[in-house]
Amino acid sequence: MYTAINGIFDNGQIIFEETPPTSKKMKVIVTFLEEVETTLPDRQPGSLLRLGVLQGKNYAIPDDFNEPLDDLKEYME
């Protein structure tokens, strides 16, 4: 059985963030996950889709939009 718990490796020691599920001697596997800081690009004014932008563009939802797809017919039975 595999159980994953979070921890932090600091100065040669692993500090668990939660209690391990057992107190008896067991084999363990340690995986090091490198934290990569992601930064969001600066927001450009007017770059987001605005409500009403499609108004008057002759966009319409088909009448059969909510009907089951023929490709999934065997799963719907």
PDB file of N, CA and C in Angstrom:
ATOM      1  N   MET A   1       0.848  -1.176   0.000  1.00  0.00           N
ATOM      2  CA  MET A   1       0.000   0.000   0.000  1.00  0.00           C
ATOM      3  C   MET A   1       0.894   1.240   0.000  1.00  0.00           C
ATOM      4  N   TYR A   2       0.531   2.232  -0.804  1.00  0.00           N
ATOM      5  CA  TYR A   2       1.266   3.480  -0.865  1.00  0.00           C
ATOM      6  C   TYR A   2       0.441   4.583  -0.222  1.00  0.00           C
ATOM      7  N   THR A   3       1.085   5.379   0.592  1.00  0.00           N
ATOM      8  CA  THR A   3       0.451   6.536   1.207  1.00  0.00           C
ATOM      9  C   THR A   3       1.388   7.713   1.017  1.00  0.00           C
ATOM     10  N   ALA A   4       0.873   8.844   0.547  1.00  0.00           N
ATOM     11  CA  ALA A   4       1.697  10.036   0.348  1.00  0.00           C
ATOM     12  C   ALA A   4       1.371  11.064   1.419  1.00  0.00           C
ATOM     13  N   ILE A   5       2.426  11.630   2.001  1.00  0.00           N
ATOM     14  CA  ILE A   5       2.248  12.727   2.943  1.00  0.00           C
ATOM     15  C   ILE A   5       3.226  13.834   2.563  1.00  0.00           C
ATOM     16  N   ASN A   6       2.875  15.053   2.877  1.00  0.00           N
ATOM     17  CA  ASN A   6       3.712  16.201   2.540  1.00  0.00           C
ATOM     18  C   ASN A   6       4.757  16.439   3.610  1.00  0.00           C
ATOM     19  N   GLY A   7       5.866  16.992   3.191  1.00  0.00           N
ATOM     20  CA  GLY A   7       6.926  17.346   4.115  1.00  0.00           C
ATOM     21  C   GLY A   7       7.869  18.335   3.460  1.00  0.00           C
ATOM     22  N   ILE A   8       8.815  18.803   4.230  1.00  0.00           N
ATOM     23  CA  ILE A   8       9.802  19.762   3.737  1.00  0.00           C
ATOM     24  C   ILE A   8      11.189  19.223   4.094  1.00  0.00           C
ATOM     25  N   PHE A   9      12.088  19.235   3.123  1.00  0.00           N
ATOM     26  CA  PHE A   9      13.470  18.846   3.339  1.00  0.00           C
ATOM     27  C   PHE A   9      14.250  20.107   3.657  1.00  0.00           C
ATOM     28  N   ASP A  10      14.879  20.153   4.824  1.00  0.00           N
ATOM     29  CA  ASP A  10      15.609  21.349   5.234  1.00  0.00           C
ATOM     30  C   ASP A  10      16.864  20.934   5.984  1.00  0.00           C
ATOM     31  N   ASN A  11      18.004  21.313   5.472  1.00  0.00           N
ATOM     32  CA  ASN A  11      19.286  21.085   6.129  1.00  0.00           C
ATOM     33  C   ASN A  11      19.505  19.607   6.475  1.00  0.00           C
ATOM     34  N   GLY A  12      19.200  18.725   5.524  1.00  0.00           N
ATOM     35  CA  GLY A  12      19.439  17.300   5.711  1.00  0.00           C
ATOM     36  C   GLY A  12      18.368  16.562   6.478  1.00  0.00           C
ATOM     37  N   GLN A  13      17.272  17.218   6.835  1.00  0.00           N
ATOM     38  CA  GLN A  13      16.188  16.566   7.571  1.00  0.00           C
ATOM     39  C   GLN A  13      14.872  16.739   6.813  1.00  0.00           C
ATOM     40  N   ILE A  14      14.000  15.748   6.961  1.00  0.00           N
ATOM     41  CA  ILE A  14      12.661  15.836   6.398  1.00  0.00           C
ATOM     42  C   ILE A  14      11.696  16.110   7.542  1.00  0.00           C
ATOM     43  N   ILE A  15      10.940  17.180   7.423  1.00  0.00           N
ATOM     44  CA  ILE A  15       9.957  17.566   8.435  1.00  0.00           C
ATOM     45  C   ILE A  15       8.575  17.305   7.842  1.00  0.00           C
ATOM     46  N   PHE A  16       7.853  16.348   8.423  1.00  0.00           N
ATOM     47  CA  PHE A  16       6.525  16.002   7.924  1.00  0.00           C
ATOM     48  C   PHE A  16       5.512  17.081   8.291  1.00  0.00           C
ATOM     49  N   GLU A  17       4.613  17.360   7.362  1.00  0.00           N
ATOM     50  CA  GLU A  17       3.542  18.325   7.620  1.00  0.00           C
ATOM     51  C   GLU A  17       2.311  17.645   8.208  1.00  0.00           C
ATOM     52  N   GLU A  18       2.324  16.324   8.263  1.00  0.00           N
ATOM     53  CA  GLU A  18       1.235  15.551   8.851  1.00  0.00           C
ATOM     54  C   GLU A  18       1.810  14.277   9.456  1.00  0.00           C
ATOM     55  N   THR A  19       1.048  13.618  10.261  1.00  0.00           N
ATOM     56  CA  THR A  19       1.518  12.420  10.944  1.00  0.00           C
ATOM     57  C   THR A  19       1.511  11.228   9.989  1.00  0.00           C
ATOM     58  N   PRO A  20       2.615  10.478   9.924  1.00  0.00           N
ATOM     59  CA  PRO A  20       2.633   9.273   9.090  1.00  0.00           C
ATOM     60  C   PRO A  20       1.573   8.280   9.569  1.00  0.00           C
ATOM     61  N   PRO A  21       1.041   7.437   8.663  1.00  0.00           N
ATOM     62  CA  PRO A  21      -0.051   6.531   9.022  1.00  0.00           C
ATOM     63  C   PRO A  21       0.369   5.322   9.858  1.00  0.00           C
ATOM     64  N   THR A  22       1.653   5.189  10.179  1.00  0.00           N
ATOM     65  CA  THR A  22       2.121   4.045  10.953  1.00  0.00           C
ATOM     66  C   THR A  22       3.302   4.453  11.832  1.00  0.00           C
ATOM     67  N   SER A  23       3.559   3.670  12.857  1.00  0.00           N
ATOM     68  CA  SER A  23       4.723   3.944  13.704  1.00  0.00           C
ATOM     69  C   SER A  23       5.746   2.813  13.618  1.00  0.00           C
ATOM     70  N   LYS A  24       5.428   1.768  12.824  1.00  0.00           N
ATOM     71  CA  LYS A  24       6.380   0.667  12.706  1.00  0.00           C
ATOM     72  C   LYS A  24       7.395   0.951  11.591  1.00  0.00           C
ATOM     73  N   LYS A  25       8.490   0.199  11.606  1.00  0.00           N
ATOM     74  CA  LYS A  25       9.564   0.370  10.631  1.00  0.00           C
ATOM     75  C   LYS A  25       9.062  -0.037   9.244  1.00  0.00           C
ATOM     76  N   MET A  26       9.217   0.877   8.269  1.00  0.00           N
ATOM     77  CA  MET A  26       8.756   0.618   6.897  1.00  0.00           C
ATOM     78  C   MET A  26       9.729   1.240   5.909  1.00  0.00           C
ATOM     79  N   LYS A  27       9.734   0.731   4.689  1.00  0.00           N
ATOM     80  CA  LYS A  27      10.488   1.355   3.609  1.00  0.00           C
ATOM     81  C   LYS A  27       9.733   2.606   3.157  1.00  0.00           C
ATOM     82  N   VAL A  28      10.482   3.612   2.722  1.00  0.00           N
ATOM     83  CA  VAL A  28       9.870   4.840   2.226  1.00  0.00           C
ATOM     84  C   VAL A  28      10.525   5.225   0.907  1.00  0.00           C
ATOM     85  N   ILE A  29       9.807   5.995   0.130  1.00  0.00           N
ATOM     86  CA  ILE A  29      10.316   6.573  -1.105  1.00  0.00           C
ATOM     87  C   ILE A  29      10.189   8.082  -0.953  1.00  0.00           C
ATOM     88  N   VAL A  30      11.286   8.788  -1.192  1.00  0.00           N
ATOM     89  CA  VAL A  30      11.284  10.245  -1.066  1.00  0.00           C
ATOM     90  C   VAL A  30      11.408  10.840  -2.463  1.00  0.00           C
ATOM     91  N   THR A  31      10.497  11.740  -2.805  1.00  0.00           N
ATOM     92  CA  THR A  31      10.527  12.433  -4.090  1.00  0.00           C
ATOM     93  C   THR A  31      10.712  13.921  -3.820  1.00  0.00           C
ATOM     94  N   PHE A  32      11.685  14.519  -4.460  1.00  0.00           N
ATOM     95  CA  PHE A  32      11.927  15.945  -4.286  1.00  0.00           C
ATOM     96  C   PHE A  32      11.222  16.705  -5.409  1.00  0.00           C
ATOM     97  N   LEU A  33      10.346  17.621  -5.030  1.00  0.00           N
ATOM     98  CA  LEU A  33       9.610  18.427  -5.987  1.00  0.00           C
ATOM     99  C   LEU A  33      10.132  19.851  -5.948  1.00  0.00           C
ATOM    100  N   GLU A  34      10.726  20.280  -7.036  1.00  0.00           N
ATOM    101  CA  GLU A  34      11.270  21.636  -7.090  1.00  0.00           C
ATOM    102  C   GLU A  34      10.139  22.628  -7.295  1.00  0.00           C
ATOM    103  N   GLU A  35      10.083  23.622  -6.437  1.00  0.00           N
ATOM    104  CA  GLU A  35       9.056  24.635  -6.575  1.00  0.00           C
ATOM    105  C   GLU A  35       9.516  25.658  -7.605  1.00  0.00           C
ATOM    106  N   VAL A  36       8.697  25.841  -8.627  1.00  0.00           N
ATOM    107  CA  VAL A  36       9.015  26.792  -9.673  1.00  0.00           C
ATOM    108  C   VAL A  36       8.057  27.967  -9.529  1.00  0.00           C
ATOM    109  N   GLU A  37       8.616  29.141  -9.363  1.00  0.00           N
ATOM    110  CA  GLU A  37       7.780  30.326  -9.208  1.00  0.00           C
ATOM    111  C   GLU A  37       7.309  30.777 -10.588  1.00  0.00           C
ATOM    112  N   THR A  38       6.008  30.898 -10.728  1.00  0.00           N
ATOM    113  CA  THR A  38       5.456  31.363 -11.990  1.00  0.00           C
ATOM    114  C   THR A  38       4.947  32.781 -11.807  1.00  0.00           C
ATOM    115  N   THR A  39       5.208  33.586 -12.784  1.00  0.00           N
ATOM    116  CA  THR A  39       4.722  34.952 -12.739  1.00  0.00           C
ATOM    117  C   THR A  39       3.728  35.145 -13.872  1.00  0.00           C
ATOM    118  N   LEU A  40       2.676  35.842 -13.573  1.00  0.00           N
ATOM    119  CA  LEU A  40       1.676  36.141 -14.583  1.00  0.00           C
ATOM    120  C   LEU A  40       2.126  37.330 -15.404  1.00  0.00           C
ATOM    121  N   PRO A  41       1.860  37.316 -16.697  1.00  0.00           N
ATOM    122  CA  PRO A  41       2.244  38.471 -17.508  1.00  0.00           C
ATOM    123  C   PRO A  41       1.436  39.700 -17.090  1.00  0.00           C
ATOM    124  N   ASP A  42       2.023  40.859 -17.285  1.00  0.00           N
ATOM    125  CA  ASP A  42       1.312  42.084 -16.968  1.00  0.00           C
ATOM    126  C   ASP A  42       0.046  42.174 -17.805  1.00  0.00           C
ATOM    127  N   ARG A  43      -1.032  42.583 -17.163  1.00  0.00           N
ATOM    128  CA  ARG A  43      -2.324  42.705 -17.844  1.00  0.00           C
ATOM    129  C   ARG A  43      -2.319  43.936 -18.733  1.00  0.00           C
ATOM    130  N   GLN A  44      -2.723  43.716 -19.968  1.00  0.00           N
ATOM    131  CA  GLN A  44      -2.842  44.816 -20.908  1.00  0.00           C
ATOM    132  C   GLN A  44      -4.285  45.315 -20.898  1.00  0.00           C
ATOM    133  N   PRO A  45      -4.521  46.587 -20.680  1.00  0.00           N
ATOM    134  CA  PRO A  45      -5.891  47.109 -20.681  1.00  0.00           C
ATOM    135  C   PRO A  45      -6.597  46.779 -21.991  1.00  0.00           C
ATOM    136  N   GLY A  46      -7.824  46.302 -21.863  1.00  0.00           N
ATOM    137  CA  GLY A  46      -8.610  45.964 -23.045  1.00  0.00           C
ATOM    138  C   GLY A  46      -8.304  44.612 -23.636  1.00  0.00           C
ATOM    139  N   SER A  47      -7.428  43.822 -23.000  1.00  0.00           N
ATOM    140  CA  SER A  47      -7.053  42.526 -23.568  1.00  0.00           C
ATOM    141  C   SER A  47      -8.035  41.418 -23.202  1.00  0.00           C
ATOM    142  N   LEU A  48      -8.902  41.663 -22.235  1.00  0.00           N
ATOM    143  CA  LEU A  48      -9.865  40.653 -21.830  1.00  0.00           C
ATOM    144  C   LEU A  48     -11.119  40.725 -22.683  1.00  0.00           C
ATOM    145  N   LEU A  49     -11.763  39.569 -22.857  1.00  0.00           N
ATOM    146  CA  LEU A  49     -13.014  39.529 -23.582  1.00  0.00           C
ATOM    147  C   LEU A  49     -14.071  40.262 -22.766  1.00  0.00           C
ATOM    148  N   ARG A  50     -14.715  41.182 -23.349  1.00  0.00           N
ATOM    149  CA  ARG A  50     -15.721  41.989 -22.661  1.00  0.00           C
ATOM    150  C   ARG A  50     -17.119  41.474 -22.979  1.00  0.00           C
ATOM    151  N   LEU A  51     -18.028  41.581 -21.995  1.00  0.00           N
ATOM    152  CA  LEU A  51     -19.421  41.208 -22.223  1.00  0.00           C
ATOM    153  C   LEU A  51     -19.997  42.070 -23.333  1.00  0.00           C
ATOM    154  N   GLY A  52     -20.750  41.436 -24.195  1.00  0.00           N
ATOM    155  CA  GLY A  52     -21.398  42.165 -25.274  1.00  0.00           C
ATOM    156  C   GLY A  52     -20.535  42.340 -26.509  1.00  0.00           C
ATOM    157  N   VAL A  53     -19.303  41.822 -26.488  1.00  0.00           N
ATOM    158  CA  VAL A  53     -18.415  42.004 -27.628  1.00  0.00           C
ATOM    159  C   VAL A  53     -18.946  41.286 -28.875  1.00  0.00           C
ATOM    160  N   LEU A  54     -19.745  40.215 -28.687  1.00  0.00           N
ATOM    161  CA  LEU A  54     -20.290  39.476 -29.826  1.00  0.00           C
ATOM    162  C   LEU A  54     -21.670  39.973 -30.252  1.00  0.00           C
ATOM    163  N   GLN A  55     -22.153  40.985 -29.563  1.00  0.00           N
ATOM    164  CA  GLN A  55     -23.475  41.512 -29.893  1.00  0.00           C
ATOM    165  C   GLN A  55     -23.470  42.049 -31.322  1.00  0.00           C
ATOM    166  N   GLY A  56     -24.481  41.611 -32.101  1.00  0.00           N
ATOM    167  CA  GLY A  56     -24.601  42.046 -33.479  1.00  0.00           C
ATOM    168  C   GLY A  56     -23.670  41.330 -34.440  1.00  0.00           C
ATOM    169  N   LYS A  57     -23.015  40.258 -34.028  1.00  0.00           N
ATOM    170  CA  LYS A  57     -22.068  39.520 -34.883  1.00  0.00           C
ATOM    171  C   LYS A  57     -22.716  38.295 -35.526  1.00  0.00           C
ATOM    172  N   ASN A  58     -24.050  38.168 -35.459  1.00  0.00           N
ATOM    173  CA  ASN A  58     -24.792  37.048 -36.041  1.00  0.00           C
ATOM    174  C   ASN A  58     -24.348  35.710 -35.473  1.00  0.00           C
ATOM    175  N   TYR A  59     -24.068  35.671 -34.175  1.00  0.00           N
ATOM    176  CA  TYR A  59     -23.691  34.441 -33.489  1.00  0.00           C
ATOM    177  C   TYR A  59     -24.934  33.879 -32.826  1.00  0.00           C
ATOM    178  N   ALA A  60     -25.214  32.607 -33.068  1.00  0.00           N
ATOM    179  CA  ALA A  60     -26.405  31.986 -32.481  1.00  0.00           C
ATOM    180  C   ALA A  60     -26.081  30.560 -32.066  1.00  0.00           C
ATOM    181  N   ILE A  61     -26.708  30.103 -30.997  1.00  0.00           N
ATOM    182  CA  ILE A  61     -26.556  28.727 -30.544  1.00  0.00           C
ATOM    183  C   ILE A  61     -27.565  27.873 -31.306  1.00  0.00           C
ATOM    184  N   PRO A  62     -27.141  26.750 -31.894  1.00  0.00           N
ATOM    185  CA  PRO A  62     -28.062  25.896 -32.644  1.00  0.00           C
ATOM    186  C   PRO A  62     -29.187  25.373 -31.741  1.00  0.00           C
ATOM    187  N   ASP A  63     -30.363  25.129 -32.346  1.00  0.00           N
ATOM    188  CA  ASP A  63     -31.515  24.638 -31.586  1.00  0.00           C
ATOM    189  C   ASP A  63     -31.255  23.265 -30.957  1.00  0.00           C
ATOM    190  N   ASP A  64     -30.414  22.424 -31.578  1.00  0.00           N
ATOM    191  CA  ASP A  64     -30.144  21.079 -31.055  1.00  0.00           C
ATOM    192  C   ASP A  64     -28.881  21.030 -30.169  1.00  0.00           C
ATOM    193  N   PHE A  65     -28.483  22.140 -29.610  1.00  0.00           N
ATOM    194  CA  PHE A  65     -27.257  22.219 -28.811  1.00  0.00           C
ATOM    195  C   PHE A  65     -27.245  21.232 -27.649  1.00  0.00           C
ATOM    196  N   ASN A  66     -28.359  21.044 -26.972  1.00  0.00           N
ATOM    197  CA  ASN A  66     -28.424  20.164 -25.796  1.00  0.00           C
ATOM    198  C   ASN A  66     -28.812  18.725 -26.129  1.00  0.00           C
ATOM    199  N   GLU A  67     -28.965  18.397 -27.382  1.00  0.00           N
ATOM    200  CA  GLU A  67     -29.319  17.038 -27.784  1.00  0.00           C
ATOM    201  C   GLU A  67     -28.098  16.127 -27.654  1.00  0.00           C
ATOM    202  N   PRO A  68     -28.318  14.830 -27.347  1.00  0.00           N
ATOM    203  CA  PRO A  68     -27.190  13.889 -27.238  1.00  0.00           C
ATOM    204  C   PRO A  68     -26.438  13.762 -28.560  1.00  0.00           C
ATOM    205  N   LEU A  69     -25.145  13.573 -28.487  1.00  0.00           N
ATOM    206  CA  LEU A  69     -24.322  13.396 -29.683  1.00  0.00           C
ATOM    207  C   LEU A  69     -24.414  11.952 -30.160  1.00  0.00           C
ATOM    208  N   ASP A  70     -24.476  11.759 -31.472  1.00  0.00           N
ATOM    209  CA  ASP A  70     -24.529  10.416 -32.034  1.00  0.00           C
ATOM    210  C   ASP A  70     -23.281   9.608 -31.676  1.00  0.00           C
ATOM    211  N   ASP A  71     -22.132  10.254 -31.569  1.00  0.00           N
ATOM    212  CA  ASP A  71     -20.892   9.562 -31.247  1.00  0.00           C
ATOM    213  C   ASP A  71     -20.926   8.934 -29.850  1.00  0.00           C
ATOM    214  N   LEU A  72     -21.745   9.472 -28.956  1.00  0.00           N
ATOM    215  CA  LEU A  72     -21.823   8.961 -27.581  1.00  0.00           C
ATOM    216  C   LEU A  72     -23.086   8.152 -27.325  1.00  0.00           C
ATOM    217  N   LYS A  73     -23.808   7.812 -28.376  1.00  0.00           N
ATOM    218  CA  LYS A  73     -25.086   7.140 -28.243  1.00  0.00           C
ATOM    219  C   LYS A  73     -24.983   5.822 -27.473  1.00  0.00           C
ATOM    220  N   GLU A  74     -23.951   5.012 -27.764  1.00  0.00           N
ATOM    221  CA  GLU A  74     -23.821   3.711 -27.085  1.00  0.00           C
ATOM    222  C   GLU A  74     -23.529   3.865 -25.596  1.00  0.00           C
ATOM    223  N   TYR A  75     -22.929   4.961 -25.171  1.00  0.00           N
ATOM    224  CA  TYR A  75     -22.654   5.190 -23.738  1.00  0.00           C
ATOM    225  C   TYR A  75     -23.875   5.725 -23.000  1.00  0.00           C
ATOM    226  N   MET A  76     -24.816   6.308 -23.714  1.00  0.00           N
ATOM    227  CA  MET A  76     -25.988   6.916 -23.102  1.00  0.00           C
ATOM    228  C   MET A  76     -27.084   5.885 -22.851  1.00  0.00           C
ATOM    229  N   GLU A  77     -26.949   4.704 -23.416  1.00  0.00           N
ATOM    230  CA  GLU A  77     -27.988   3.664 -23.284  1.00  0.00           C
ATOM    231  C   GLU A  77     -27.918   2.970 -21.942  1.00  0.00           C
TER     232      GLU A  77
END
